[in-house]
């Protein structure tokens, strides 16, 4: 069985948005990856927050993070790679 620890990392963008990085640590090799990044405005409502949670679960169910994500030795490296690829 594959086991992963979920790690949530929050940041702020220059435009004033909150960004929630949903990260994983692979418990068998201690490598880190970012599955997704969700952006929220100050006016985010419970519906958009719940949609983010549902999407995260669907991504995890659809495909193992081992396949979906790029793995790195540190959490900061994983986040930087995700930012470089998607932002």
Protein backbone atom coordinates (compact mmCIF):
# COMPACT_ATOMS: atom_id res chain seq x y z
CA UNK A 1 0.00 0.00 0.00
CA UNK A 2 1.23 3.47 -0.86
CA UNK A 3 1.10 5.87 2.07
CA UNK A 4 1.35 9.64 1.87
CA UNK A 5 1.25 12.40 4.45
CA UNK A 6 -0.74 15.45 3.36
CA UNK A 7 0.94 18.77 4.10
CA UNK A 8 -0.88 22.05 3.56
CA UNK A 9 1.26 25.13 2.91
CA UNK A 10 -0.26 28.61 2.68
CA UNK A 11 1.16 31.62 0.87
CA UNK A 12 0.16 35.07 -0.35
CA UNK A 13 0.53 36.29 -3.90
CA UNK A 14 1.61 39.79 -4.90
CA UNK A 15 -1.97 40.34 -6.08
CA UNK A 16 -3.30 39.72 -2.57
CA UNK A 17 -4.67 36.23 -3.12
CA UNK A 18 -4.17 33.36 -0.72
CA UNK A 19 -2.67 30.23 -2.23
CA UNK A 20 -3.12 26.83 -0.64
CA UNK A 21 -0.55 24.25 -1.76
CA UNK A 22 -1.71 20.68 -1.21
CA UNK A 23 1.49 18.72 -0.81
CA UNK A 24 2.35 15.12 -0.10
CA UNK A 25 5.27 13.39 1.55
CA UNK A 26 5.80 9.82 0.39
CA UNK A 27 6.29 7.84 3.59
CA UNK A 28 8.38 5.15 1.90
CA UNK A 29 11.07 7.43 0.44
CA UNK A 30 10.54 10.77 2.26
CA UNK A 31 10.20 12.73 -1.00
CA UNK A 32 7.81 15.68 -1.45
CA UNK A 33 5.40 16.73 -4.19
CA UNK A 34 2.68 19.31 -4.78
CA UNK A 35 -0.61 17.89 -6.02
CA UNK A 36 -2.40 21.18 -6.50
CA UNK A 37 -2.53 24.87 -5.67
CA UNK A 38 -5.82 26.60 -5.00
CA UNK A 39 -6.17 30.38 -5.03
CA UNK A 40 -8.66 32.19 -2.82
CA UNK A 41 -9.80 35.78 -2.58
CA UNK A 42 -10.66 37.40 0.72
CA UNK A 43 -14.32 36.90 -0.15
CA UNK A 44 -14.01 33.10 -0.63
CA UNK A 45 -17.16 31.35 0.48
CA UNK A 46 -17.74 27.89 1.91
CA UNK A 47 -18.91 26.60 -1.49
CA UNK A 48 -15.58 27.38 -3.19
CA UNK A 49 -13.61 25.97 -0.25
CA UNK A 50 -15.63 22.74 -0.31
CA UNK A 51 -15.19 22.47 -4.09
CA UNK A 52 -11.43 22.67 -3.56
CA UNK A 53 -11.55 19.81 -1.06
CA UNK A 54 -13.68 17.65 -3.35
CA UNK A 55 -11.37 18.26 -6.29
CA UNK A 56 -8.34 17.27 -4.20
CA UNK A 57 -9.97 13.98 -3.24
CA UNK A 58 -10.94 13.30 -6.86
CA UNK A 59 -7.36 13.92 -8.03
CA UNK A 60 -6.04 11.55 -5.40
CA UNK A 61 -8.58 8.86 -6.33
CA UNK A 62 -8.03 9.23 -10.10
CA UNK A 63 -4.29 8.78 -10.11
CA UNK A 64 -1.61 8.08 -7.53
CA UNK A 65 0.48 11.09 -6.55
CA UNK A 66 3.48 8.92 -7.51
CA UNK A 67 2.40 9.26 -11.16
CA UNK A 68 0.77 12.69 -11.15
CA UNK A 69 3.47 14.66 -9.40
CA UNK A 70 7.13 15.61 -9.60
CA UNK A 71 9.02 14.48 -6.47
CA UNK A 72 11.73 16.42 -4.65
CA UNK A 73 14.03 16.12 -1.65
CA UNK A 74 12.45 19.11 0.12
CA UNK A 75 9.05 20.70 0.42
CA UNK A 76 10.36 24.08 -0.73
CA UNK A 77 11.87 22.50 -3.87
CA UNK A 78 8.55 20.83 -4.66
CA UNK A 79 6.62 24.08 -4.26
CA UNK A 80 9.12 26.04 -6.36
CA UNK A 81 8.90 23.46 -9.16
CA UNK A 82 5.10 23.63 -9.05
CA UNK A 83 5.22 27.43 -9.20
CA UNK A 84 7.65 27.31 -12.14
CA UNK A 85 5.41 24.87 -14.02
CA UNK A 86 2.00 26.45 -13.38
CA UNK A 87 2.25 30.08 -12.36
